[in-house]
PDB file of N, CA and C in Angstrom:
ATOM      1  N   MET A   1     -11.668  -6.196  -9.901  1.00  0.00           N
ATOM      2  CA  MET A   1     -11.038  -5.947  -8.619  1.00  0.00           C
ATOM      3  C   MET A   1      -9.575  -6.354  -8.719  1.00  0.00           C
ATOM      4  N   THR A   2      -8.702  -5.478  -8.320  1.00  0.00           N
ATOM      5  CA  THR A   2      -7.274  -5.768  -8.303  1.00  0.00           C
ATOM      6  C   THR A   2      -6.800  -5.711  -6.866  1.00  0.00           C
ATOM      7  N   GLU A   3      -6.056  -6.701  -6.442  1.00  0.00           N
ATOM      8  CA  GLU A   3      -5.495  -6.712  -5.094  1.00  0.00           C
ATOM      9  C   GLU A   3      -3.981  -6.610  -5.208  1.00  0.00           C
ATOM     10  N   ILE A   4      -3.409  -5.729  -4.405  1.00  0.00           N
ATOM     11  CA  ILE A   4      -1.964  -5.552  -4.373  1.00  0.00           C
ATOM     12  C   ILE A   4      -1.517  -5.915  -2.966  1.00  0.00           C
ATOM     13  N   ARG A   5      -0.578  -6.866  -2.866  1.00  0.00           N
ATOM     14  CA  ARG A   5      -0.136  -7.333  -1.553  1.00  0.00           C
ATOM     15  C   ARG A   5       1.358  -7.151  -1.408  1.00  0.00           C
ATOM     16  N   GLY A   6       1.750  -6.802  -0.210  1.00  0.00           N
ATOM     17  CA  GLY A   6       3.152  -6.760   0.161  1.00  0.00           C
ATOM     18  C   GLY A   6       3.330  -7.636   1.376  1.00  0.00           C
ATOM     19  N   PRO A   7       4.527  -7.680   1.947  1.00  0.00           N
ATOM     20  CA  PRO A   7       4.772  -8.549   3.099  1.00  0.00           C
ATOM     21  C   PRO A   7       3.874  -8.236   4.289  1.00  0.00           C
ATOM     22  N   THR A   8       3.474  -6.978   4.440  1.00  0.00           N
ATOM     23  CA  THR A   8       2.688  -6.603   5.623  1.00  0.00           C
ATOM     24  C   THR A   8       1.431  -5.828   5.277  1.00  0.00           C
ATOM     25  N   PHE A   9       0.996  -5.858   4.022  1.00  0.00           N
ATOM     26  CA  PHE A   9      -0.209  -5.110   3.674  1.00  0.00           C
ATOM     27  C   PHE A   9      -0.929  -5.780   2.518  1.00  0.00           C
ATOM     28  N   SER A  10      -2.176  -5.406   2.376  1.00  0.00           N
ATOM     29  CA  SER A  10      -2.982  -5.845   1.251  1.00  0.00           C
ATOM     30  C   SER A  10      -3.936  -4.710   0.923  1.00  0.00           C
ATOM     31  N   GLU A  11      -4.051  -4.378  -0.337  1.00  0.00           N
ATOM     32  CA  GLU A  11      -4.911  -3.277  -0.751  1.00  0.00           C
ATOM     33  C   GLU A  11      -5.719  -3.712  -1.954  1.00  0.00           C
ATOM     34  N   SER A  12      -7.032  -3.530  -1.879  1.00  0.00           N
ATOM     35  CA  SER A  12      -7.899  -3.833  -3.010  1.00  0.00           C
ATOM     36  C   SER A  12      -8.239  -2.541  -3.733  1.00  0.00           C
ATOM     37  N   VAL A  13      -8.181  -2.588  -5.057  1.00  0.00           N
ATOM     38  CA  VAL A  13      -8.485  -1.426  -5.886  1.00  0.00           C
ATOM     39  C   VAL A  13      -9.635  -1.824  -6.802  1.00  0.00           C
ATOM     40  N   PRO A  14     -10.869  -1.390  -6.459  1.00  0.00           N
ATOM     41  CA  PRO A  14     -12.034  -1.854  -7.203  1.00  0.00           C
ATOM     42  C   PRO A  14     -12.040  -1.460  -8.688  1.00  0.00           C
ATOM     43  N   GLU A  15     -11.586  -0.272  -9.018  1.00  0.00           N
ATOM     44  CA  GLU A  15     -11.626   0.180 -10.412  1.00  0.00           C
ATOM     45  C   GLU A  15     -10.236   0.620 -10.851  1.00  0.00           C
ATOM     46  N   ALA A  16      -9.283  -0.274 -10.768  1.00  0.00           N
ATOM     47  CA  ALA A  16      -7.916   0.038 -11.171  1.00  0.00           C
ATOM     48  C   ALA A  16      -7.879   0.324 -12.665  1.00  0.00           C
ATOM     49  N   PRO A  17      -7.030   1.262 -13.090  1.00  0.00           N
ATOM     50  CA  PRO A  17      -6.920   1.534 -14.528  1.00  0.00           C
ATOM     51  C   PRO A  17      -6.319   0.330 -15.258  1.00  0.00           C
ATOM     52  N   ILE A  18      -6.800   0.074 -16.453  1.00  0.00           N
ATOM     53  CA  ILE A  18      -6.288  -1.034 -17.253  1.00  0.00           C
ATOM     54  C   ILE A  18      -5.027  -0.558 -17.971  1.00  0.00           C
ATOM     55  N   GLY A  19      -3.991  -1.393 -17.953  1.00  0.00           N
ATOM     56  CA  GLY A  19      -2.750  -1.068 -18.639  1.00  0.00           C
ATOM     57  C   GLY A  19      -1.607  -0.922 -17.660  1.00  0.00           C
ATOM     58  N   PRO A  20      -0.484  -0.382 -18.135  1.00  0.00           N
ATOM     59  CA  PRO A  20       0.689  -0.238 -17.269  1.00  0.00           C
ATOM     60  C   PRO A  20       0.470   0.852 -16.223  1.00  0.00           C
ATOM     61  N   VAL A  21       0.873   0.562 -14.998  1.00  0.00           N
ATOM     62  CA  VAL A  21       0.765   1.542 -13.911  1.00  0.00           C
ATOM     63  C   VAL A  21       2.061   1.542 -13.106  1.00  0.00           C
ATOM     64  N   THR A  22       2.336   2.676 -12.510  1.00  0.00           N
ATOM     65  CA  THR A  22       3.458   2.823 -11.593  1.00  0.00           C
ATOM     66  C   THR A  22       2.865   3.041 -10.213  1.00  0.00           C
ATOM     67  N   LEU A  23       3.462   2.420  -9.195  1.00  0.00           N
ATOM     68  CA  LEU A  23       2.925   2.491  -7.845  1.00  0.00           C
ATOM     69  C   LEU A  23       3.849   3.260  -6.912  1.00  0.00           C
ATOM     70  N   ALA A  24       3.250   3.893  -5.933  1.00  0.00           N
ATOM     71  CA  ALA A  24       3.964   4.474  -4.801  1.00  0.00           C
ATOM     72  C   ALA A  24       3.203   4.010  -3.569  1.00  0.00           C
ATOM     73  N   ILE A  25       3.898   3.874  -2.464  1.00  0.00           N
ATOM     74  CA  ILE A  25       3.275   3.365  -1.237  1.00  0.00           C
ATOM     75  C   ILE A  25       3.437   4.389  -0.128  1.00  0.00           C
ATOM     76  N   ASP A  26       2.336   4.690   0.540  1.00  0.00           N
ATOM     77  CA  ASP A  26       2.368   5.629   1.658  1.00  0.00           C
ATOM     78  C   ASP A  26       2.016   4.887   2.937  1.00  0.00           C
ATOM     79  N   THR A  27       2.962   4.759   3.847  1.00  0.00           N
ATOM     80  CA  THR A  27       2.653   4.168   5.152  1.00  0.00           C
ATOM     81  C   THR A  27       2.647   5.230   6.245  1.00  0.00           C
ATOM     82  N   GLU A  28       3.153   6.416   5.943  1.00  0.00           N
ATOM     83  CA  GLU A  28       3.210   7.481   6.950  1.00  0.00           C
ATOM     84  C   GLU A  28       1.818   7.903   7.410  1.00  0.00           C
ATOM     85  N   SER A  29       0.846   7.884   6.504  1.00  0.00           N
ATOM     86  CA  SER A  29      -0.509   8.305   6.869  1.00  0.00           C
ATOM     87  C   SER A  29      -1.122   7.378   7.910  1.00  0.00           C
ATOM     88  N   VAL A  30      -0.643   6.143   7.976  1.00  0.00           N
ATOM     89  CA  VAL A  30      -1.174   5.191   8.959  1.00  0.00           C
ATOM     90  C   VAL A  30      -0.849   5.661  10.381  1.00  0.00           C
ATOM     91  N   LYS A  31       0.312   6.304  10.552  1.00  0.00           N
ATOM     92  CA  LYS A  31       0.656   6.817  11.892  1.00  0.00           C
ATOM     93  C   LYS A  31      -0.400   7.792  12.384  1.00  0.00           C
ATOM     94  N   ALA A  32      -0.876   8.681  11.501  1.00  0.00           N
ATOM     95  CA  ALA A  32      -1.910   9.648  11.881  1.00  0.00           C
ATOM     96  C   ALA A  32      -3.234   8.945  12.190  1.00  0.00           C
ATOM     97  N   ASP A  33      -3.557   7.924  11.399  1.00  0.00           N
ATOM     98  CA  ASP A  33      -4.793   7.163  11.647  1.00  0.00           C
ATOM     99  C   ASP A  33      -4.753   6.496  13.023  1.00  0.00           C
ATOM    100  N   ILE A  34      -3.624   5.891  13.347  1.00  0.00           N
ATOM    101  CA  ILE A  34      -3.475   5.227  14.646  1.00  0.00           C
ATOM    102  C   ILE A  34      -3.560   6.243  15.777  1.00  0.00           C
ATOM    103  N   ALA A  35      -2.929   7.399  15.594  1.00  0.00           N
ATOM    104  CA  ALA A  35      -2.969   8.454  16.622  1.00  0.00           C
ATOM    105  C   ALA A  35      -4.406   8.903  16.874  1.00  0.00           C
ATOM    106  N   ARG A  36      -5.212   9.013  15.816  1.00  0.00           N
ATOM    107  CA  ARG A  36      -6.616   9.419  15.992  1.00  0.00           C
ATOM    108  C   ARG A  36      -7.384   8.403  16.838  1.00  0.00           C
ATOM    109  N   TYR A  37      -7.156   7.132  16.615  1.00  0.00           N
ATOM    110  CA  TYR A  37      -7.812   6.115  17.445  1.00  0.00           C
ATOM    111  C   TYR A  37      -7.435   6.308  18.904  1.00  0.00           C
ATOM    112  N   HIS A  38      -6.138   6.482  19.163  1.00  0.00           N
ATOM    113  CA  HIS A  38      -5.677   6.641  20.541  1.00  0.00           C
ATOM    114  C   HIS A  38      -6.233   7.915  21.177  1.00  0.00           C
ATOM    115  N   GLU A  39      -6.301   9.000  20.411  1.00  0.00           N
ATOM    116  CA  GLU A  39      -6.864  10.258  20.926  1.00  0.00           C
ATOM    117  C   GLU A  39      -8.319  10.071  21.331  1.00  0.00           C
ATOM    118  N   ASP A  40      -9.046   9.236  20.595  1.00  0.00           N
ATOM    119  CA  ASP A  40     -10.454   8.985  20.896  1.00  0.00           C
ATOM    120  C   ASP A  40     -10.639   7.912  21.963  1.00  0.00           C
ATOM    121  N   GLY A  41      -9.523   7.382  22.486  1.00  0.00           N
ATOM    122  CA  GLY A  41      -9.599   6.351  23.511  1.00  0.00           C
ATOM    123  C   GLY A  41      -9.952   4.983  22.954  1.00  0.00           C
ATOM    124  N   ALA A  42      -9.792   4.820  21.657  1.00  0.00           N
ATOM    125  CA  ALA A  42     -10.145   3.557  21.015  1.00  0.00           C
ATOM    126  C   ALA A  42      -8.879   2.782  20.648  1.00  0.00           C
ATOM    127  N   THR A  43      -9.074   1.521  20.388  1.00  0.00           N
ATOM    128  CA  THR A  43      -7.977   0.668  19.939  1.00  0.00           C
ATOM    129  C   THR A  43      -8.050   0.547  18.427  1.00  0.00           C
ATOM    130  N   PRO A  44      -6.936   0.762  17.727  1.00  0.00           N
ATOM    131  CA  PRO A  44      -6.964   0.606  16.264  1.00  0.00           C
ATOM    132  C   PRO A  44      -7.337  -0.819  15.871  1.00  0.00           C
ATOM    133  N   PRO A  45      -7.955  -1.003  14.721  1.00  0.00           N
ATOM    134  CA  PRO A  45      -8.281  -2.356  14.264  1.00  0.00           C
ATOM    135  C   PRO A  45      -7.008  -3.197  14.149  1.00  0.00           C
ATOM    136  N   PRO A  46      -7.104  -4.502  14.328  1.00  0.00           N
ATOM    137  CA  PRO A  46      -5.920  -5.367  14.319  1.00  0.00           C
ATOM    138  C   PRO A  46      -5.055  -5.241  13.065  1.00  0.00           C
ATOM    139  N   GLY A  47      -5.644  -5.014  11.906  1.00  0.00           N
ATOM    140  CA  GLY A  47      -4.868  -4.932  10.672  1.00  0.00           C
ATOM    141  C   GLY A  47      -4.211  -3.584  10.431  1.00  0.00           C
ATOM    142  N   LEU A  48      -4.532  -2.603  11.269  1.00  0.00           N
ATOM    143  CA  LEU A  48      -3.986  -1.257  11.072  1.00  0.00           C
ATOM    144  C   LEU A  48      -2.725  -1.100  11.906  1.00  0.00           C
ATOM    145  N   ARG A  49      -1.580  -1.140  11.226  1.00  0.00           N
ATOM    146  CA  ARG A  49      -0.321  -0.938  11.925  1.00  0.00           C
ATOM    147  C   ARG A  49       0.654  -0.239  10.996  1.00  0.00           C
ATOM    148  N   TYR A  50       1.490   0.566  11.595  1.00  0.00           N
ATOM    149  CA  TYR A  50       2.486   1.315  10.826  1.00  0.00           C
ATOM    150  C   TYR A  50       3.691   0.433  10.543  1.00  0.00           C
ATOM    151  N   VAL A  51       4.107   0.406   9.306  1.00  0.00           N
ATOM    152  CA  VAL A  51       5.299  -0.330   8.900  1.00  0.00           C
ATOM    153  C   VAL A  51       6.189   0.653   8.143  1.00  0.00           C
ATOM    154  N   PRO A  52       7.362   0.971   8.692  1.00  0.00           N
ATOM    155  CA  PRO A  52       8.247   1.888   7.964  1.00  0.00           C
ATOM    156  C   PRO A  52       8.795   1.211   6.705  1.00  0.00           C
ATOM    157  N   ILE A  53       8.870   1.984   5.637  1.00  0.00           N
ATOM    158  CA  ILE A  53       9.435   1.474   4.391  1.00  0.00           C
ATOM    159  C   ILE A  53      10.466   2.478   3.886  1.00  0.00           C
ATOM    160  N   PRO A  54      11.402   2.038   3.053  1.00  0.00           N
ATOM    161  CA  PRO A  54      12.370   2.981   2.496  1.00  0.00           C
ATOM    162  C   PRO A  54      11.665   4.106   1.738  1.00  0.00           C
ATOM    163  N   ARG A  55      12.192   5.288   1.873  1.00  0.00           N
ATOM    164  CA  ARG A  55      11.595   6.497   1.304  1.00  0.00           C
ATOM    165  C   ARG A  55      11.396   6.417  -0.219  1.00  0.00           C
ATOM    166  N   LYS A  56      12.247   5.668  -0.906  1.00  0.00           N
ATOM    167  CA  LYS A  56      12.144   5.604  -2.368  1.00  0.00           C
ATOM    168  C   LYS A  56      10.790   5.071  -2.835  1.00  0.00           C
ATOM    169  N   TYR A  57      10.130   4.267  -2.006  1.00  0.00           N
ATOM    170  CA  TYR A  57       8.848   3.691  -2.399  1.00  0.00           C
ATOM    171  C   TYR A  57       7.679   4.659  -2.258  1.00  0.00           C
ATOM    172  N   THR A  58       7.899   5.812  -1.651  1.00  0.00           N
ATOM    173  CA  THR A  58       6.816   6.780  -1.453  1.00  0.00           C
ATOM    174  C   THR A  58       6.626   7.702  -2.649  1.00  0.00           C
ATOM    175  N   ASN A  59       7.477   7.585  -3.654  1.00  0.00           N
ATOM    176  CA  ASN A  59       7.444   8.489  -4.800  1.00  0.00           C
ATOM    177  C   ASN A  59       7.297   7.663  -6.079  1.00  0.00           C
ATOM    178  N   PHE A  60       6.361   8.055  -6.934  1.00  0.00           N
ATOM    179  CA  PHE A  60       6.143   7.335  -8.189  1.00  0.00           C
ATOM    180  C   PHE A  60       7.409   7.300  -9.050  1.00  0.00           C
ATOM    181  N   ASP A  61       8.195   8.365  -9.015  1.00  0.00           N
ATOM    182  CA  ASP A  61       9.376   8.456  -9.870  1.00  0.00           C
ATOM    183  C   ASP A  61      10.538   7.592  -9.385  1.00  0.00           C
ATOM    184  N   THR A  62      10.574   7.249  -8.105  1.00  0.00           N
ATOM    185  CA  THR A  62      11.715   6.504  -7.567  1.00  0.00           C
ATOM    186  C   THR A  62      11.359   5.115  -7.052  1.00  0.00           C
ATOM    187  N   SER A  63      10.069   4.776  -7.010  1.00  0.00           N
ATOM    188  CA  SER A  63       9.668   3.494  -6.404  1.00  0.00           C
ATOM    189  C   SER A  63      10.167   2.284  -7.185  1.00  0.00           C
ATOM    190  N   GLY A  64      10.206   2.391  -8.509  1.00  0.00           N
ATOM    191  CA  GLY A  64      10.566   1.229  -9.319  1.00  0.00           C
ATOM    192  C   GLY A  64       9.473   0.166  -9.329  1.00  0.00           C
ATOM    193  N   LEU A  65       8.311   0.496  -8.795  1.00  0.00           N
ATOM    194  CA  LEU A  65       7.196  -0.456  -8.728  1.00  0.00           C
ATOM    195  C   LEU A  65       6.265  -0.212  -9.909  1.00  0.00           C
ATOM    196  N   ALA A  66       6.240  -1.143 -10.832  1.00  0.00           N
ATOM    197  CA  ALA A  66       5.396  -1.023 -12.012  1.00  0.00           C
ATOM    198  C   ALA A  66       4.776  -2.378 -12.315  1.00  0.00           C
ATOM    199  N   LEU A  67       3.580  -2.348 -12.853  1.00  0.00           N
ATOM    200  CA  LEU A  67       2.898  -3.580 -13.225  1.00  0.00           C
ATOM    201  C   LEU A  67       1.874  -3.277 -14.294  1.00  0.00           C
ATOM    202  N   ALA A  68       1.349  -4.307 -14.903  1.00  0.00           N
ATOM    203  CA  ALA A  68       0.318  -4.158 -15.932  1.00  0.00           C
ATOM    204  C   ALA A  68      -0.989  -4.716 -15.389  1.00  0.00           C
ATOM    205  N   VAL A  69      -2.002  -3.889 -15.356  1.00  0.00           N
ATOM    206  CA  VAL A  69      -3.321  -4.301 -14.891  1.00  0.00           C
ATOM    207  C   VAL A  69      -4.134  -4.760 -16.100  1.00  0.00           C
ATOM    208  N   ARG A  70      -4.725  -5.926 -15.981  1.00  0.00           N
ATOM    209  CA  ARG A  70      -5.572  -6.476 -17.031  1.00  0.00           C
ATOM    210  C   ARG A  70      -7.006  -6.542 -16.515  1.00  0.00           C
ATOM    211  N   PRO A  71      -7.984  -6.640 -17.393  1.00  0.00           N
ATOM    212  CA  PRO A  71      -9.366  -6.783 -16.931  1.00  0.00           C
ATOM    213  C   PRO A  71      -9.524  -8.056 -16.085  1.00  0.00           C
ATOM    214  N   GLY A  72     -10.407  -8.004 -15.126  1.00  0.00           N
ATOM    215  CA  GLY A  72     -10.671  -9.161 -14.286  1.00  0.00           C
ATOM    216  C   GLY A  72      -9.942  -9.079 -12.959  1.00  0.00           C
ATOM    217  N   THR A  73     -10.138 -10.088 -12.143  1.00  0.00           N
ATOM    218  CA  THR A  73      -9.536 -10.147 -10.819  1.00  0.00           C
ATOM    219  C   THR A  73      -8.081 -10.580 -10.935  1.00  0.00           C
ATOM    220  N   GLN A  74      -7.199  -9.848 -10.244  1.00  0.00           N
ATOM    221  CA  GLN A  74      -5.768 -10.149 -10.257  1.00  0.00           C
ATOM    222  C   GLN A  74      -5.188  -9.903  -8.882  1.00  0.00           C
ATOM    223  N   THR A  75      -4.077 -10.537  -8.622  1.00  0.00           N
ATOM    224  CA  THR A  75      -3.312 -10.290  -7.401  1.00  0.00           C
ATOM    225  C   THR A  75      -1.864 -10.060  -7.788  1.00  0.00           C
ATOM    226  N   PHE A  76      -1.271  -9.006  -7.240  1.00  0.00           N
ATOM    227  CA  PHE A  76       0.133  -8.707  -7.468  1.00  0.00           C
ATOM    228  C   PHE A  76       0.848  -8.750  -6.123  1.00  0.00           C
ATOM    229  N   ASP A  77       1.914  -9.495  -6.037  1.00  0.00           N
ATOM    230  CA  ASP A  77       2.721  -9.546  -4.826  1.00  0.00           C
ATOM    231  C   ASP A  77       3.943  -8.664  -5.028  1.00  0.00           C
ATOM    232  N   LEU A  78       4.108  -7.672  -4.145  1.00  0.00           N
ATOM    233  CA  LEU A  78       5.230  -6.739  -4.248  1.00  0.00           C
ATOM    234  C   LEU A  78       6.350  -7.150  -3.301  1.00  0.00           C
ATOM    235  N   GLN A  79       7.552  -7.119  -3.801  1.00  0.00           N
ATOM    236  CA  GLN A  79       8.730  -7.384  -2.973  1.00  0.00           C
ATOM    237  C   GLN A  79       9.482  -6.065  -2.816  1.00  0.00           C
ATOM    238  N   LEU A  80       9.591  -5.578  -1.590  1.00  0.00           N
ATOM    239  CA  LEU A  80      10.281  -4.318  -1.322  1.00  0.00           C
ATOM    240  C   LEU A  80      11.675  -4.603  -0.785  1.00  0.00           C
ATOM    241  N   ASP A  81      12.652  -3.955  -1.367  1.00  0.00           N
ATOM    242  CA  ASP A  81      14.032  -4.049  -0.890  1.00  0.00           C
ATOM    243  C   ASP A  81      14.149  -3.176   0.350  1.00  0.00           C
ATOM    244  N   PRO A  82      14.609  -3.704   1.480  1.00  0.00           N
ATOM    245  CA  PRO A  82      14.655  -2.919   2.720  1.00  0.00           C
ATOM    246  C   PRO A  82      15.660  -1.776   2.695  1.00  0.00           C
ATOM    247  N   ARG A  83      16.482  -1.687   1.653  1.00  0.00           N
ATOM    248  CA  ARG A  83      17.468  -0.591   1.593  1.00  0.00           C
ATOM    249  C   ARG A  83      16.897   0.639   0.948  1.00  0.00           C
TER     250      ARG A  83
END
């Protein structure tokens, strides 16, 4: 199990590939998830919130986010530049 954490999110990846990986982050899809809850008259879960991030992080080629996954449980803390 690999956990990837940022200032406002945490994501567990049960079968992450072993070795070097490049990451991209999508927060735009959360807006649609939240809208669906509201359309159904429901309240989104407390941990589900939209956080805008710089566009460069949404693309594998421009994110600059890379790490090496090893076997076993790991945690990676990501620091995103707000620019």
